[in-house]
Protein backbone atom coordinates (compact mmCIF):
# COMPACT_ATOMS: atom_id res chain seq x y z
CA MET A 1 0.00 0.00 0.00
CA SER A 2 2.20 2.61 -1.04
CA GLN A 3 0.57 5.98 -0.92
CA ALA A 4 -0.63 4.67 2.39
CA ALA A 5 2.99 4.52 3.31
CA SER A 6 3.81 7.95 2.00
CA THR A 7 1.41 10.43 3.48
CA SER A 8 3.81 13.33 3.33
CA GLU A 9 4.92 12.85 -0.27
CA PRO A 10 4.45 15.58 -2.89
CA ARG A 11 1.20 15.38 -4.80
CA VAL A 12 0.60 14.87 -8.49
CA THR A 13 -1.33 17.96 -9.40
CA THR A 14 -3.18 19.60 -12.25
CA SER A 15 -3.06 23.29 -12.93
CA VAL A 16 -5.91 25.60 -12.03
CA ALA A 17 -6.66 28.34 -14.51
CA GLY A 18 -6.17 31.80 -13.18
CA GLN A 19 -4.59 30.73 -9.91
CA GLY A 20 -0.98 30.69 -8.83
CA ARG A 21 -1.05 27.32 -7.12
CA PRO A 22 -1.86 23.84 -8.43
CA ALA A 23 -4.99 21.92 -7.51
CA ARG A 24 -4.86 18.64 -5.68
CA ASN A 25 -5.49 15.49 -7.69
CA TYR A 26 -8.31 13.96 -5.67
CA GLY A 27 -8.30 10.90 -7.93
CA LEU A 28 -5.24 9.59 -6.12
CA ASP A 29 -6.91 10.21 -2.77
CA VAL A 30 -10.02 8.29 -3.84
CA LEU A 31 -7.90 5.41 -5.12
CA ARG A 32 -5.96 5.37 -1.87
CA ILE A 33 -9.13 5.30 0.28
CA VAL A 34 -10.78 2.57 -1.80
CA SER A 35 -7.56 0.57 -1.74
CA ILE A 36 -7.16 0.68 2.03
CA CYS A 37 -10.76 -0.48 2.39
CA GLY A 38 -9.77 -3.33 0.08
CA VAL A 39 -6.71 -4.20 2.15
CA VAL A 40 -8.86 -4.54 5.26
CA ALA A 41 -11.37 -6.61 3.28
CA ILE A 42 -8.66 -9.02 2.14
CA HIS A 43 -7.42 -9.59 5.67
CA VAL A 44 -10.86 -9.90 7.27
CA PHE A 45 -12.86 -11.82 4.65
CA GLY A 46 -9.79 -13.95 3.93
CA LEU A 47 -10.45 -15.57 7.30
CA ARG A 48 -13.73 -16.97 5.96
CA VAL A 49 -12.21 -17.83 2.57
CA GLY A 50 -9.55 -19.96 4.24
CA ALA A 51 -12.00 -21.81 6.50
CA GLU A 52 -14.14 -24.84 5.74
CA PRO A 53 -16.52 -25.39 4.09
CA HIS A 54 -15.31 -24.03 0.74
CA ASP A 55 -18.76 -23.57 -0.75
CA GLY A 56 -22.07 -21.88 -0.17
CA ARG A 57 -23.21 -18.30 -0.66
CA GLY A 58 -21.36 -17.02 2.40
CA TRP A 59 -18.07 -18.45 1.22
CA TRP A 60 -18.51 -17.06 -2.28
CA ALA A 61 -19.45 -13.65 -0.90
CA ALA A 62 -16.21 -13.69 1.11
CA VAL A 63 -14.24 -14.72 -1.99
CA ILE A 64 -15.70 -11.83 -3.97
CA LEU A 65 -14.76 -9.34 -1.25
CA ASP A 66 -11.31 -10.87 -0.76
CA ILE A 67 -10.08 -11.80 -4.23
CA GLY A 68 -12.04 -8.96 -5.81
CA PHE A 69 -9.64 -6.53 -4.11
CA ILE A 70 -6.45 -8.39 -5.03
CA TRP A 71 -5.33 -5.39 -7.10
CA VAL A 72 -4.98 -3.07 -4.09
CA VAL A 73 -1.31 -3.63 -3.21
CA PRO A 74 -0.10 -3.07 -6.80
CA VAL A 75 -2.25 0.07 -6.98
CA PHE A 76 -0.80 1.38 -3.74
CA VAL A 77 2.68 0.92 -5.18
CA MET A 78 1.64 2.71 -8.39
CA ILE A 79 0.23 5.63 -6.41
CA SER A 80 3.55 5.98 -4.63
CA GLY A 81 5.42 5.88 -7.95
CA ALA A 82 3.14 8.56 -9.38
CA LEU A 83 3.88 10.81 -6.42
CA LEU A 84 7.56 10.15 -5.89
CA LEU A 85 9.27 9.58 -9.21
CA GLY A 86 8.30 12.99 -10.56
CA SER A 87 9.39 14.76 -7.39
CA ARG A 88 12.16 17.33 -7.77
CA GLN A 89 13.62 16.38 -4.38
CA VAL A 90 14.11 12.75 -5.43
CA VAL A 91 16.22 13.83 -8.41
CA GLU A 92 17.97 16.93 -7.10
CA ALA A 93 18.38 16.26 -3.36
CA PRO A 94 18.48 12.50 -2.76
CA ALA A 95 20.19 12.87 0.64
CA ALA A 96 17.37 15.08 1.91
CA PHE A 97 14.86 12.66 0.42
CA TYR A 98 16.45 9.72 2.26
CA ARG A 99 16.45 11.61 5.56
CA LYS A 100 12.80 12.52 5.17
CA ARG A 101 11.74 9.00 4.22
CA ALA A 102 13.79 7.41 7.01
CA ALA A 103 12.27 9.75 9.60
CA ARG A 104 8.82 8.74 8.33
CA LEU A 105 9.16 4.97 8.04
CA LEU A 106 11.86 3.71 10.41
CA PRO A 107 10.00 4.64 13.63
CA ALA A 108 6.87 2.96 12.24
CA LEU A 109 8.88 -0.11 11.24
CA VAL A 110 10.34 -0.58 14.73
CA PHE A 111 7.17 0.32 16.63
CA TRP A 112 4.73 -1.86 14.70
CA ASN A 113 7.00 -4.90 14.56
CA ALA A 114 7.20 -4.64 18.35
CA VAL A 115 3.41 -4.19 18.64
CA TYR A 116 2.63 -7.29 16.59
CA LEU A 117 5.46 -9.41 17.91
CA VAL A 118 4.96 -8.69 21.60
CA GLY A 119 1.45 -7.30 21.79
CA VAL A 120 -0.37 -9.61 19.38
CA ARG A 121 1.67 -12.81 19.16
CA ILE A 122 2.85 -13.05 22.77
CA TRP A 123 0.20 -11.21 24.83
CA MET A 124 -2.94 -11.78 22.77
CA ARG A 125 -2.20 -15.15 21.19
CA HIS A 126 0.03 -16.44 23.99
CA GLU A 127 2.61 -17.76 21.53
CA GLU A 128 5.93 -18.99 22.90
CA LEU A 129 8.63 -17.65 20.62
CA SER A 130 12.21 -18.84 20.71
CA THR A 131 15.08 -16.55 19.70
CA ALA A 132 15.44 -18.48 16.45
CA ARG A 133 11.76 -18.07 15.66
CA VAL A 134 11.87 -14.32 16.35
CA LEU A 135 14.90 -13.91 14.09
CA GLN A 136 13.19 -15.93 11.37
CA LEU A 137 10.03 -13.81 11.62
CA LEU A 138 12.03 -10.60 11.44
CA TYR A 139 14.21 -11.70 8.51
CA ASP A 140 11.28 -13.06 6.51
CA SER A 141 9.22 -9.98 7.42
CA SER A 142 6.50 -12.33 8.60
CA VAL A 143 6.05 -10.88 12.09
CA PHE A 144 2.48 -10.24 10.96
CA THR A 145 0.50 -10.34 7.76
CA GLN A 146 0.94 -6.80 6.43
CA LEU A 147 4.29 -5.68 7.82
CA TYR A 148 6.29 -6.89 4.82
CA PHE A 149 4.91 -3.85 3.01
CA ILE A 150 6.97 -1.41 5.06
CA TRP A 151 10.13 -3.19 3.91
CA LEU A 152 8.80 -3.19 0.34
CA ILE A 153 8.29 0.57 0.43
CA LEU A 154 11.68 1.17 2.05
CA GLY A 155 13.34 -0.71 -0.80
CA LEU A 156 11.49 1.33 -3.41
CA TYR A 157 12.47 4.52 -1.60
CA VAL A 158 16.12 3.47 -1.74
CA ILE A 159 16.09 3.04 -5.51
CA ALA A 160 13.81 6.00 -6.28
CA PRO A 161 16.69 8.52 -6.73
CA VAL A 162 18.39 6.03 -9.07
CA LEU A 163 15.30 5.20 -11.12
CA ALA A 164 13.74 8.66 -11.32
CA PRO A 165 16.47 10.43 -13.38
CA PHE A 166 16.38 7.67 -15.98
CA ILE A 167 12.64 7.47 -16.57
CA THR A 168 12.05 11.23 -16.34
CA ALA A 169 14.99 12.32 -18.55
CA LYS A 170 13.17 11.74 -21.87
CA ASP A 171 9.55 11.87 -22.97
CA ASN A 172 7.03 9.55 -21.36
CA HIS A 173 7.68 6.78 -23.89
CA ARG A 174 10.82 5.85 -21.96
CA ALA A 175 8.86 5.66 -18.71
CA VAL A 176 6.16 3.46 -20.27
CA ALA A 177 8.72 1.15 -21.90
CA THR A 178 10.71 0.87 -18.66
CA ALA A 179 7.63 0.17 -16.55
CA CYS A 180 6.24 -2.45 -18.94
CA SER A 181 9.63 -4.18 -19.26
CA LEU A 182 10.23 -4.33 -15.51
CA LEU A 183 6.69 -5.50 -14.80
CA ALA A 184 6.87 -8.15 -17.53
CA VAL A 185 10.10 -9.54 -16.05
CA SER A 186 8.57 -9.76 -12.57
CA VAL A 187 5.38 -11.42 -13.82
CA LEU A 188 7.40 -13.91 -15.88
CA ALA A 189 9.69 -14.67 -12.93
CA PHE A 190 6.70 -15.53 -10.74
CA MET A 191 5.02 -17.47 -13.56
CA VAL A 192 7.97 -19.82 -14.15
CA PRO A 193 7.67 -21.74 -10.83
CA GLY A 194 4.11 -22.67 -11.79
CA ILE A 195 5.27 -23.91 -15.17
CA LEU A 196 8.13 -25.88 -13.62
CA GLY A 197 5.64 -27.44 -11.22
CA TYR A 198 4.03 -29.15 -14.22
CA PHE A 199 7.31 -31.07 -14.54
CA ASP A 200 7.46 -31.79 -10.81
CA VAL A 201 10.23 -29.24 -10.33
CA SER A 202 9.80 -27.16 -7.16
CA ARG A 203 11.38 -23.73 -7.41
CA PRO A 204 9.52 -21.30 -5.11
CA ILE A 205 10.83 -17.73 -4.85
CA PRO A 206 11.62 -16.95 -1.19
CA MET A 207 11.29 -13.34 -0.14
CA ASN A 208 12.88 -11.49 2.77
CA ILE A 209 13.35 -7.96 4.10
CA PHE A 210 16.02 -7.23 1.48
CA SER A 211 14.15 -8.52 -1.56
CA TYR A 212 10.43 -7.81 -1.11
CA TRP A 213 10.70 -4.59 -3.10
CA MET A 214 12.33 -6.08 -6.19
CA PRO A 215 9.29 -7.55 -7.97
CA TYR A 216 7.35 -4.31 -7.44
CA VAL A 217 9.71 -1.93 -9.24
CA GLY A 218 7.62 -2.36 -12.39
CA TYR A 219 4.47 -1.23 -10.59
CA PHE A 220 6.42 1.67 -9.05
CA ALA A 221 7.57 2.86 -12.47
CA ALA A 222 4.11 2.26 -13.96
CA GLY A 223 2.57 4.69 -11.50
CA TYR A 224 4.75 7.44 -12.92
CA ALA A 225 4.40 6.29 -16.53
CA PHE A 226 0.57 6.21 -16.50
CA ARG A 227 -0.06 9.03 -14.02
CA ASN A 228 -1.40 11.41 -16.66
CA VAL A 229 -3.38 8.95 -18.79
CA ARG A 230 -7.02 10.04 -18.96
CA LEU A 231 -9.31 7.94 -21.12
CA LYS A 232 -12.65 9.10 -22.45
CA GLY A 233 -15.57 7.64 -24.36
CA LEU A 234 -15.12 4.25 -25.99
CA PRO A 235 -11.51 3.69 -24.82
CA LEU A 236 -12.57 4.31 -21.22
CA ALA A 237 -15.55 1.96 -21.58
CA ALA A 238 -13.38 -0.72 -23.19
CA VAL A 239 -10.63 -0.60 -20.56
CA SER A 240 -13.24 -0.55 -17.78
CA LEU A 241 -14.92 -3.65 -19.24
CA VAL A 242 -11.62 -5.51 -19.68
CA THR A 243 -10.60 -4.63 -16.12
CA ALA A 244 -13.92 -5.85 -14.73
CA VAL A 245 -13.64 -9.09 -16.73
CA LEU A 246 -10.10 -9.69 -15.45
CA ILE A 247 -11.18 -9.18 -11.85
CA GLY A 248 -14.25 -11.37 -12.38
CA PHE A 249 -12.16 -14.11 -13.96
CA THR A 250 -9.67 -13.98 -11.09
CA ILE A 251 -12.52 -14.45 -8.60
CA TRP A 252 -13.96 -17.34 -10.63
CA HIS A 253 -10.53 -18.90 -11.10
CA TYR A 254 -9.80 -18.85 -7.39
CA GLY A 255 -13.05 -20.62 -6.60
CA HIS A 256 -12.67 -23.19 -9.39
CA ARG A 257 -9.02 -24.17 -9.21
CA GLY A 258 -8.35 -27.40 -11.08
CA ILE A 259 -10.89 -26.79 -13.84
CA LEU A 260 -8.37 -24.91 -16.01
CA PRO A 261 -4.94 -26.45 -15.28
CA TRP A 262 -3.21 -24.09 -17.71
CA ALA A 263 -4.60 -21.08 -15.86
CA ASP A 264 -3.50 -22.56 -12.54
CA ARG A 265 0.05 -22.70 -13.91
CA LEU A 266 0.19 -19.44 -15.85
CA LEU A 267 -2.19 -17.07 -14.04
CA SER A 268 -1.47 -17.24 -10.35
CA VAL A 269 -3.95 -15.51 -8.05
CA SER A 270 -1.32 -13.28 -6.49
CA TYR A 271 -0.14 -9.68 -6.59
CA LEU A 272 2.35 -10.63 -9.30
CA GLY A 273 0.08 -12.83 -11.40
CA ALA A 274 -0.28 -11.77 -15.04
CA GLY A 275 -4.05 -11.27 -14.83
CA VAL A 276 -3.80 -9.37 -11.56
CA ALA A 277 -1.08 -7.10 -12.96
CA ALA A 278 -3.24 -6.22 -15.96
CA ALA A 279 -6.27 -5.64 -13.72
CA ALA A 280 -4.26 -3.38 -11.38
CA LEU A 281 -3.08 -1.25 -14.30
CA GLY A 282 -6.67 -1.04 -15.48
CA VAL A 283 -7.98 0.03 -12.07
CA PHE A 284 -5.29 2.70 -11.82
CA VAL A 285 -5.96 4.19 -15.26
CA VAL A 286 -9.75 3.90 -15.05
CA GLY A 287 -9.81 5.32 -11.53
CA LEU A 288 -7.80 8.39 -12.52
CA SER A 289 -9.80 8.80 -15.73
CA LEU A 290 -13.10 8.76 -13.85
CA SER A 291 -11.75 11.23 -11.31
CA VAL A 292 -11.91 13.90 -14.01
CA PHE A 293 -15.67 13.88 -13.52
CA LEU A 294 -15.37 14.49 -9.78
CA SER A 295 -16.67 17.79 -8.48
CA VAL A 296 -15.23 18.17 -5.00
CA SER A 297 -16.37 20.92 -2.68
CA SER A 298 -14.01 22.44 -0.15
CA GLN A 299 -15.56 20.45 2.71
CA ALA A 300 -15.59 17.19 0.76
CA GLY A 301 -12.01 17.79 -0.29
CA THR A 302 -10.94 18.27 3.32
CA LEU A 303 -12.64 14.98 4.26
CA LEU A 304 -11.05 13.13 1.35
CA VAL A 305 -7.59 14.40 2.27
CA SER A 306 -8.06 13.46 5.93
CA LEU A 307 -9.23 9.92 5.11
CA SER A 308 -6.51 9.53 2.49
CA ASN A 309 -3.76 10.64 4.87
CA ALA A 310 -5.15 8.32 7.58
CA SER A 311 -4.79 5.27 5.33
CA PHE A 312 -1.24 4.46 6.41
CA GLY A 313 -2.35 4.33 10.03
CA VAL A 314 -5.33 2.17 9.04
CA PHE A 315 -2.97 -0.20 7.27
CA LEU A 316 -0.77 -0.48 10.36
CA VAL A 317 -3.37 -0.77 13.12
CA HIS A 318 -6.29 -2.65 11.54
CA LEU A 319 -5.03 -6.16 12.34
CA VAL A 320 -4.62 -5.29 16.02
CA ILE A 321 -8.29 -4.29 16.11
CA PHE A 322 -9.41 -7.28 14.08
CA GLU A 323 -7.38 -9.66 16.23
CA ALA A 324 -9.09 -8.31 19.35
CA ILE A 325 -12.47 -8.90 17.71
CA ARG A 326 -11.52 -12.34 16.40
CA LEU A 327 -10.30 -13.63 19.75
CA ASN A 328 -13.34 -12.39 21.64
CA VAL A 329 -16.23 -13.11 19.26
CA PRO A 330 -16.81 -16.87 18.83
CA ALA A 331 -18.70 -16.45 15.54
CA VAL A 332 -15.70 -14.62 14.05
CA LEU A 333 -13.15 -16.97 15.59
CA GLY A 334 -14.97 -19.94 14.04
CA ALA A 335 -14.84 -18.16 10.66
CA THR A 336 -17.96 -19.90 9.36
CA SER A 337 -20.47 -17.05 9.70
CA PHE A 338 -20.36 -14.54 6.84
CA PRO A 339 -22.62 -12.01 8.65
CA ALA A 340 -20.29 -12.10 11.67
CA ILE A 341 -17.24 -11.61 9.44
CA ALA A 342 -18.98 -8.75 7.61
CA ALA A 343 -19.82 -7.05 10.91
CA ALA A 344 -16.21 -7.54 12.04
CA TYR A 345 -15.05 -5.91 8.80
CA LEU A 346 -17.19 -2.81 9.35
CA ALA A 347 -16.09 -2.54 12.98
CA THR A 348 -12.43 -3.03 12.07
CA LEU A 349 -12.54 -0.47 9.27
CA ALA A 350 -14.37 2.17 11.32
CA GLY A 351 -12.20 1.57 14.37
CA SER A 352 -8.99 1.74 12.35
CA PHE A 353 -9.90 5.03 10.71
CA ALA A 354 -10.93 6.47 14.08
CA VAL A 355 -7.66 5.44 15.74
CA SER A 356 -5.56 6.69 12.83
CA LEU A 357 -7.35 10.04 12.64
CA LEU A 358 -7.01 10.56 16.39
CA ALA A 359 -3.34 9.52 16.36
CA SER A 360 -2.63 12.09 13.66
CA LYS A 361 -3.54 14.80 16.20
CA VAL A 362 -0.99 13.58 18.78
CA PRO A 363 2.60 14.59 17.96
CA LEU A 364 4.30 11.48 19.36
CA LEU A 365 1.81 9.03 17.87
CA ARG A 366 1.87 10.83 14.55
CA ARG A 367 5.44 9.63 14.04
CA VAL A 368 4.34 5.98 13.95
CA PHE A 369 1.01 6.43 12.18
């Protein structure tokens, strides 16, 4: 979730006639808010998706709300690329950029790993963790479900001053070609293990704190490359339809694995699957294209900005809130009741936004939200 991890980044803007300052691009804010709602949906409804029985209307409803949002992490990374790679500071003052990014993310990295390791795993779940297990969790960035993303964003921040001068030096054709090439390599790399599996060759791609960012460089560059694309008329309708079909197929494919063996091998239901990558690009372009039709009042704009800026805090805190609900509500803990899971989702989402918005008003807490 990358703009969620970059609340103080410069904004992509459009000029306002007759005024000396640019207008905010609310399309990115809307995408960020929808995406963080999707992240919470994946983590909450995924509990029902992973539980037995794997059928029935409740299970399929959970699949739709889980897999239907599988594009959110790539879109977050694209939003961050759109904001960062065109920034003058990234190109002209990389040292200042690094200091600013480190001051933003390192306190959150340390604080939230401690919260989930000690607070959730040890205090709430009563897990007994050996030193070896703690080191393994930290190195694999598997302390808790979503924390790998902070390492992912840190890696992209590190390479941003290297990547930005190259893709911004020429016209946008270079940026598009670079983004498509990098994304194609990542998708192919994560497709090959599935193909090799057909020949009984096991070659999974292990990820750790130093490598999580690598497959997402293509998405990062794509955010910059496609930041100004605005479709209208038939092209917009066509891309919207293709995007919806790709998301629909991904949902169907997840629920009917084994029916199309070739799709199981070639189109993994993951953030780096070929179909998901195409759908994420479609959501990004369609979302920004539709934002042209937005008419945002001053009050609505203030609300959008507040919710958008709170998304990083929502991303960080939501699984603490959901874990408290899960451990104390039997219907949620059992993961068989869709209405209970849906209620838990609404409570988790509302609680997370409330906590994040309140934390943003407290100077000390603001540093880790």
